[in-house]
């Protein structure tokens, strides 16, 4: 059996809905062998694609080289804290011989710091077995699982004994995250779900009131104007609009994730609405590239508040930047949000800037 046949067997036998990642040393060979491969502009976006699929009840596989693990650590931590629904597995290609990498990195030490105990198959037969086990563990413990693949595995015989995994029906999860006490609860439950000891997520001992200068009612009219029934899922990242009273955002956490998760949800067959601020858009700018590259039909609410606690100007025109990339933009003031229902009916990709 060739590599292509082995990768196809893993995807078919374990009912994996999406295989994603970023091309790199040896990872490319695996990705291009996957019939359900969805490319991503980098590893961070790939992990967000996979996590939103898991959240929506679809098994996912991410493939990347060791340097990609360093790049995507933030969304991996996010998927640990929020948890998985359907199984989410990452194959990390470690180049211990430094044949095509900057360093001979042993990724296991880094992985253990975030509370995951990686699996290390020695050959293709074990890779199949361990991947099956990883999906079972992910769905039991509700955290992603990581398999480290070393150079020598690629020279081992490509074989496996078929042992399909039952395609369990995972309904989409409905989460409300990011309000202070709720996010605290997710961090505390991860201390129980993790597989290795780590000090990265200390237990939060005291409940403290939110003490920022956030006006929690400033977005009330905006939220009321959104035709929520028109969308399957509302996604945001860590911003005032997510913390605000009456927020309609269901999913998000790490800064800059909103657009990538929105694209991933659309790939999964859902109709998402995405909320993002100036900082979330710029820190997740790789996802702007994906919006254009994948010709998406996503609707995005861009909150332009200049850093609402201080009312600072971000120093450049974000809408002009998007328009230069041929992304349609409509601008409304916060007093004009009644226009949103009609604007959001438009076909194709659209960013609606709401200026506060």
Protein backbone atom coordinates (compact mmCIF):
# COMPACT_ATOMS: atom_id res chain seq x y z
CA UNK A 1 0.00 0.00 0.00
CA UNK A 2 1.21 3.53 -0.82
CA UNK A 3 0.97 6.53 1.52
CA UNK A 4 -2.07 7.86 -0.34
CA UNK A 5 -3.99 4.64 0.30
CA UNK A 6 -3.07 4.62 3.99
CA UNK A 7 -4.11 8.26 4.53
CA UNK A 8 -7.37 7.64 2.66
CA UNK A 9 -8.06 4.62 4.90
CA UNK A 10 -7.59 6.69 8.06
CA UNK A 11 -10.01 9.35 6.80
CA UNK A 12 -12.63 6.83 5.66
CA UNK A 13 -12.38 4.42 8.60
CA UNK A 14 -12.56 7.17 11.24
CA UNK A 15 -15.16 9.32 9.45
CA UNK A 16 -12.99 12.44 9.38
CA UNK A 17 -14.86 15.38 7.85
CA UNK A 18 -11.91 17.69 7.23
CA UNK A 19 -8.15 17.30 6.91
CA UNK A 20 -6.40 20.64 7.04
CA UNK A 21 -2.97 22.09 7.67
CA UNK A 22 -0.13 23.98 6.08
CA UNK A 23 2.30 22.42 3.64
CA UNK A 24 5.78 21.76 5.01
CA UNK A 25 8.46 19.11 5.36
CA UNK A 26 6.77 15.68 4.96
CA UNK A 27 3.44 17.17 6.08
CA UNK A 28 2.82 18.09 2.44
CA UNK A 29 2.96 14.44 1.36
CA UNK A 30 0.24 13.55 3.87
CA UNK A 31 -1.97 16.55 3.13
CA UNK A 32 -1.87 16.06 -0.63
CA UNK A 33 -2.86 12.41 -0.09
CA UNK A 34 -6.05 13.36 1.77
CA UNK A 35 -9.22 13.44 -0.36
CA UNK A 36 -10.85 15.93 2.04
CA UNK A 37 -7.85 18.27 2.32
CA UNK A 38 -8.73 21.94 2.87
CA UNK A 39 -5.71 24.21 2.63
CA UNK A 40 -5.05 27.02 5.11
CA UNK A 41 -2.77 30.03 4.83
CA UNK A 42 -0.97 28.96 8.01
CA UNK A 43 -1.18 26.54 10.92
CA UNK A 44 -3.10 28.93 13.19
CA UNK A 45 -5.96 29.13 10.70
CA UNK A 46 -5.86 25.35 10.18
CA UNK A 47 -6.34 24.69 13.91
CA UNK A 48 -9.29 27.11 13.98
CA UNK A 49 -10.81 25.31 10.97
CA UNK A 50 -10.48 21.99 12.80
CA UNK A 51 -11.79 23.24 16.14
CA UNK A 52 -14.95 24.80 14.73
CA UNK A 53 -15.61 21.54 12.86
CA UNK A 54 -15.26 19.62 16.13
CA UNK A 55 -17.58 22.10 17.83
CA UNK A 56 -20.14 21.55 15.04
CA UNK A 57 -20.00 17.77 15.52
CA UNK A 58 -17.56 16.80 12.76
CA UNK A 59 -14.26 14.96 13.28
CA UNK A 60 -11.18 16.85 12.14
CA UNK A 61 -7.49 16.18 11.45
CA UNK A 62 -4.71 18.80 11.36
CA UNK A 63 -1.30 18.03 9.84
CA UNK A 64 1.74 20.28 10.28
CA UNK A 65 5.50 20.25 10.81
CA UNK A 66 7.10 21.08 14.15
CA UNK A 67 7.60 24.77 13.39
CA UNK A 68 3.87 24.99 12.74
CA UNK A 69 3.18 23.77 16.28
CA UNK A 70 5.07 26.78 17.60
CA UNK A 71 3.02 29.05 15.33
CA UNK A 72 -0.36 27.59 16.29
CA UNK A 73 0.03 27.15 20.04
CA UNK A 74 -2.54 29.83 20.92
CA UNK A 75 -5.49 28.23 19.06
CA UNK A 76 -4.44 24.79 20.36
CA UNK A 77 -4.60 26.12 23.93
CA UNK A 78 -7.96 27.67 23.07
CA UNK A 79 -9.29 24.29 21.89
CA UNK A 80 -8.07 22.73 25.14
CA UNK A 81 -9.86 25.28 27.32
CA UNK A 82 -13.13 25.35 25.37
CA UNK A 83 -12.90 21.62 24.76
CA UNK A 84 -13.77 19.45 21.79
CA UNK A 85 -17.04 17.89 20.74
CA UNK A 86 -16.41 15.46 17.89
CA UNK A 87 -12.82 14.22 17.92
CA UNK A 88 -10.00 16.60 16.98
CA UNK A 89 -6.54 15.15 16.28
CA UNK A 90 -3.26 16.79 15.25
CA UNK A 91 -0.41 15.01 13.46
CA UNK A 92 2.84 16.89 14.19
CA UNK A 93 5.83 16.03 12.00
CA UNK A 94 9.01 16.27 14.07
CA UNK A 95 12.20 16.65 12.06
CA UNK A 96 14.62 15.28 14.67
CA UNK A 97 17.37 14.94 12.07
CA UNK A 98 16.98 18.62 11.11
CA UNK A 99 16.84 17.62 7.46
CA UNK A 100 14.52 20.45 6.49
CA UNK A 101 13.95 22.45 9.69
CA UNK A 102 15.65 25.24 11.58
CA UNK A 103 16.23 23.05 14.65
CA UNK A 104 15.98 19.41 15.72
CA UNK A 105 12.90 20.06 17.85
CA UNK A 106 11.34 17.46 20.14
CA UNK A 107 7.76 18.72 20.26
CA UNK A 108 6.69 16.43 23.10
CA UNK A 109 8.02 18.78 25.80
CA UNK A 110 6.09 21.75 24.42
CA UNK A 111 2.91 19.68 24.02
CA UNK A 112 3.06 18.46 27.62
CA UNK A 113 3.16 22.04 28.92
CA UNK A 114 -0.39 22.57 27.66
CA UNK A 115 -1.69 19.43 29.36
CA UNK A 116 -1.72 16.93 26.47
CA UNK A 117 0.16 13.63 26.54
CA UNK A 118 1.27 13.02 22.93
CA UNK A 119 1.28 9.61 21.24
CA UNK A 120 4.40 8.53 19.31
CA UNK A 121 3.88 5.77 16.72
CA UNK A 122 6.95 3.99 15.33
CA UNK A 123 5.43 2.88 12.03
CA UNK A 124 2.37 3.29 9.78
CA UNK A 125 0.55 0.40 11.44
CA UNK A 126 0.86 2.11 14.84
CA UNK A 127 -0.08 5.47 13.32
CA UNK A 128 -3.41 4.00 12.25
CA UNK A 129 -3.97 2.38 15.67
CA UNK A 130 -2.91 5.47 17.63
CA UNK A 131 -5.07 7.76 15.50
CA UNK A 132 -8.10 5.62 16.25
CA UNK A 133 -7.23 5.78 19.94
CA UNK A 134 -6.70 9.54 19.73
CA UNK A 135 -10.21 10.16 18.40
CA UNK A 136 -11.69 8.03 21.16
CA UNK A 137 -9.66 9.92 23.78
CA UNK A 138 -10.56 13.32 22.34
CA UNK A 139 -14.25 12.50 22.46
CA UNK A 140 -13.99 11.10 25.98
CA UNK A 141 -11.80 13.76 27.58
CA UNK A 142 -13.10 16.62 25.43
CA UNK A 143 -9.65 17.91 24.49
CA UNK A 144 -7.68 17.63 21.24
CA UNK A 145 -5.14 14.82 20.94
CA UNK A 146 -1.69 15.09 19.37
CA UNK A 147 0.34 12.43 17.58
CA UNK A 148 4.05 13.10 16.96
CA UNK A 149 5.40 11.58 13.74
CA UNK A 150 9.18 11.30 13.43
CA UNK A 151 11.28 11.05 10.27
CA UNK A 152 11.82 7.30 10.57
CA UNK A 153 8.10 6.51 10.33
CA UNK A 154 8.14 7.53 6.66
CA UNK A 155 10.64 4.77 5.87
CA UNK A 156 8.60 2.07 7.63
CA UNK A 157 6.31 -0.35 5.74
CA UNK A 158 3.00 1.31 4.84
CA UNK A 159 0.45 -1.09 6.23
CA UNK A 160 -2.41 -1.31 8.71
CA UNK A 161 -5.14 -3.62 9.93
CA UNK A 162 -8.53 -2.06 9.27
CA UNK A 163 -10.46 -1.24 12.45
CA UNK A 164 -13.09 1.41 11.64
CA UNK A 165 -14.37 3.77 14.31
CA UNK A 166 -18.10 4.13 14.80
CA UNK A 167 -19.45 7.34 13.35
CA UNK A 168 -21.11 8.65 16.48
CA UNK A 169 -23.62 11.44 15.91
CA UNK A 170 -22.35 14.56 17.67
CA UNK A 171 -24.89 17.39 17.77
CA UNK A 172 -23.45 20.89 17.55
CA UNK A 173 -22.51 22.37 20.89
CA UNK A 174 -24.02 25.64 22.01
CA UNK A 175 -21.56 27.64 24.05
CA UNK A 176 -21.65 31.05 25.65
CA UNK A 177 -18.11 31.96 26.53
CA UNK A 178 -15.96 34.89 27.51
CA UNK A 179 -18.10 36.39 30.21
CA UNK A 180 -15.71 36.50 33.19
CA UNK A 181 -17.24 33.77 35.36
CA UNK A 182 -17.93 31.48 32.38
CA UNK A 183 -14.39 31.66 31.02
CA UNK A 184 -13.13 31.02 34.57
CA UNK A 185 -15.25 27.87 34.64
CA UNK A 186 -13.76 26.59 31.38
CA UNK A 187 -10.23 27.07 32.68
CA UNK A 188 -11.06 25.30 35.93
CA UNK A 189 -12.68 22.32 34.17
CA UNK A 190 -9.62 21.96 31.95
CA UNK A 191 -7.58 21.29 35.07
CA UNK A 192 -9.70 18.14 35.39
CA UNK A 193 -9.64 17.17 31.69
CA UNK A 194 -5.92 17.60 31.01
CA UNK A 195 -3.64 14.58 30.72
CA UNK A 196 -0.38 15.94 32.13
CA UNK A 197 0.40 18.29 35.00
CA UNK A 198 1.00 21.85 33.94
CA UNK A 199 1.17 25.20 35.69
CA UNK A 200 0.04 27.04 32.57
CA UNK A 201 -3.60 27.02 33.72
CA UNK A 202 -3.64 27.72 37.47
CA UNK A 203 -6.91 27.28 39.31
CA UNK A 204 -8.74 30.57 39.69
CA UNK A 205 -9.51 30.75 43.39
CA UNK A 206 -11.48 33.97 43.72
CA UNK A 207 -14.39 35.39 41.82
CA UNK A 208 -13.66 38.98 40.98
CA UNK A 209 -16.01 41.43 39.36
CA UNK A 210 -15.10 42.83 35.97
CA UNK A 211 -13.37 46.14 36.76
CA UNK A 212 -12.70 47.54 33.30
CA UNK A 213 -14.28 50.70 31.91
CA UNK A 214 -16.64 48.67 29.76
CA UNK A 215 -20.07 50.14 29.12
CA UNK A 216 -21.96 46.86 28.93
CA UNK A 217 -25.06 48.33 27.30
CA UNK A 218 -23.39 50.21 24.46
CA UNK A 219 -24.08 47.40 21.96
CA UNK A 220 -27.70 46.71 22.97
CA UNK A 221 -29.23 48.29 19.86
CA UNK A 222 -26.72 46.48 17.66
CA UNK A 223 -27.57 43.06 19.11
CA UNK A 224 -31.32 43.72 18.82
CA UNK A 225 -30.96 44.69 15.15
CA UNK A 226 -29.28 41.42 14.12
CA UNK A 227 -31.64 38.92 12.43
CA UNK A 228 -30.25 35.96 14.43
CA UNK A 229 -32.57 33.44 12.80
CA UNK A 230 -30.82 34.09 9.49
CA UNK A 231 -27.59 32.52 10.77
CA UNK A 232 -26.63 29.08 12.09
CA UNK A 233 -23.86 30.32 14.40
CA UNK A 234 -22.58 33.66 15.69
CA UNK A 235 -18.82 33.83 16.21
CA UNK A 236 -16.60 36.44 17.84
CA UNK A 237 -13.27 36.79 19.60
CA UNK A 238 -12.23 38.46 22.83
CA UNK A 239 -13.66 41.96 22.59
CA UNK A 240 -16.01 44.32 24.38
CA UNK A 241 -18.84 43.20 22.08
CA UNK A 242 -18.49 39.65 23.42
CA UNK A 243 -18.35 40.70 27.07
CA UNK A 244 -21.21 43.15 26.72
CA UNK A 245 -24.61 42.55 28.27
CA UNK A 246 -26.97 40.74 25.88
CA UNK A 247 -24.17 39.55 23.59
CA UNK A 248 -25.42 37.10 20.96
CA UNK A 249 -21.95 35.60 20.33
CA UNK A 250 -21.87 31.83 20.87
CA UNK A 251 -18.29 30.84 20.13
CA UNK A 252 -14.80 32.25 20.42
CA UNK A 253 -11.93 32.90 22.75
CA UNK A 254 -8.47 33.51 21.39
CA UNK A 255 -7.84 36.93 19.90
CA UNK A 256 -7.93 36.93 16.11
CA UNK A 257 -9.82 33.61 15.76
CA UNK A 258 -13.23 34.86 14.70
CA UNK A 259 -12.80 35.07 10.93
CA UNK A 260 -10.93 31.76 10.64
CA UNK A 261 -13.64 30.01 12.66
CA UNK A 262 -16.28 31.66 10.48
CA UNK A 263 -14.61 30.34 7.33
CA UNK A 264 -14.32 26.90 8.93
CA UNK A 265 -18.02 26.95 9.81
CA UNK A 266 -18.90 27.81 6.21
CA UNK A 267 -16.71 24.93 4.99
CA UNK A 268 -18.72 22.71 7.36
CA UNK A 269 -21.92 23.78 5.60
CA UNK A 270 -23.11 26.38 8.12
CA UNK A 271 -24.11 30.01 7.66
CA UNK A 272 -22.03 32.04 10.15
CA UNK A 273 -22.17 35.63 11.30
CA UNK A 274 -18.83 36.96 12.54
CA UNK A 275 -18.13 39.81 14.97
CA UNK A 276 -14.63 41.24 15.00
CA UNK A 277 -12.96 44.42 16.25
CA UNK A 278 -10.05 46.37 14.80
CA UNK A 279 -7.52 44.47 16.92
CA UNK A 280 -9.08 41.08 16.21
CA UNK A 281 -9.08 41.77 12.48
CA UNK A 282 -5.46 42.86 12.34
CA UNK A 283 -4.15 40.13 14.66
CA UNK A 284 -6.04 37.56 12.60
CA UNK A 285 -5.18 39.17 9.28
CA UNK A 286 -4.18 35.86 7.69
CA UNK A 287 -7.89 35.04 7.75
CA UNK A 288 -8.62 38.10 5.61
CA UNK A 289 -6.48 36.44 2.96
CA UNK A 290 -8.60 33.30 3.32
CA UNK A 291 -11.83 35.29 2.93
CA UNK A 292 -10.70 36.32 -0.54
CA UNK A 293 -8.86 33.13 -1.48
CA UNK A 294 -11.80 30.85 -0.68
CA UNK A 295 -14.41 33.21 -2.18
CA UNK A 296 -16.54 33.06 0.95
CA UNK A 297 -20.07 34.37 1.43
CA UNK A 298 -19.55 35.32 5.08
CA UNK A 299 -21.10 38.36 6.70
CA UNK A 300 -18.81 40.20 9.13
CA UNK A 301 -19.72 42.90 11.65
CA UNK A 302 -16.59 45.03 12.15
CA UNK A 303 -16.80 46.94 15.42
CA UNK A 304 -14.80 50.16 15.03
CA UNK A 305 -14.52 51.65 18.49
CA UNK A 306 -10.84 52.59 18.56
CA UNK A 307 -10.29 50.70 21.81
CA UNK A 308 -13.53 51.54 23.57
CA UNK A 309 -12.14 51.94 27.09
CA UNK A 310 -9.84 54.78 25.97
CA UNK A 311 -11.50 55.87 22.72
CA UNK A 312 -8.17 55.79 20.91
CA UNK A 313 -7.80 55.90 17.14
CA UNK A 314 -6.09 52.80 15.74
CA UNK A 315 -4.06 55.04 13.44
CA UNK A 316 -5.19 53.79 10.00
CA UNK A 317 -8.35 53.19 8.00
CA UNK A 318 -9.21 49.50 8.26
CA UNK A 319 -12.10 49.79 5.81
CA UNK A 320 -9.84 51.34 3.19
CA UNK A 321 -7.40 48.47 3.66
CA UNK A 322 -10.21 45.92 3.12
CA UNK A 323 -11.51 47.77 0.07
CA UNK A 324 -8.02 47.71 -1.43
CA UNK A 325 -8.27 43.92 -1.22
CA UNK A 326 -11.56 44.08 -3.17
CA UNK A 327 -13.62 43.12 -0.11
CA UNK A 328 -17.07 44.79 -0.14
CA UNK A 329 -17.52 47.14 2.82
CA UNK A 330 -20.56 49.05 4.05
CA UNK A 331 -20.21 51.69 6.77
CA UNK A 332 -22.87 52.61 9.31
CA UNK A 333 -22.79 54.63 12.50
CA UNK A 334 -23.83 53.06 15.79
CA UNK A 335 -27.01 55.17 15.54
CA UNK A 336 -27.84 53.56 12.16
CA UNK A 337 -27.83 49.87 13.07
CA UNK A 338 -31.45 49.56 11.93
CA UNK A 339 -29.95 49.29 8.43
CA UNK A 340 -28.27 45.97 9.28
CA UNK A 341 -31.12 43.53 8.51
CA UNK A 342 -31.30 44.75 4.91
CA UNK A 343 -27.52 44.87 4.47
CA UNK A 344 -27.05 41.34 5.80
CA UNK A 345 -29.42 39.96 3.16
CA UNK A 346 -26.91 40.68 0.41
CA UNK A 347 -25.24 37.79 -1.34
CA UNK A 348 -21.52 37.14 -1.20
CA UNK A 349 -18.84 38.32 1.21
CA UNK A 350 -19.64 41.54 3.07
CA UNK A 351 -18.05 43.50 5.90
CA UNK A 352 -20.34 45.95 7.69
CA UNK A 353 -18.37 48.49 9.70
CA UNK A 354 -20.26 49.82 12.74
CA UNK A 355 -18.56 52.94 14.00
CA UNK A 356 -18.85 53.95 17.68
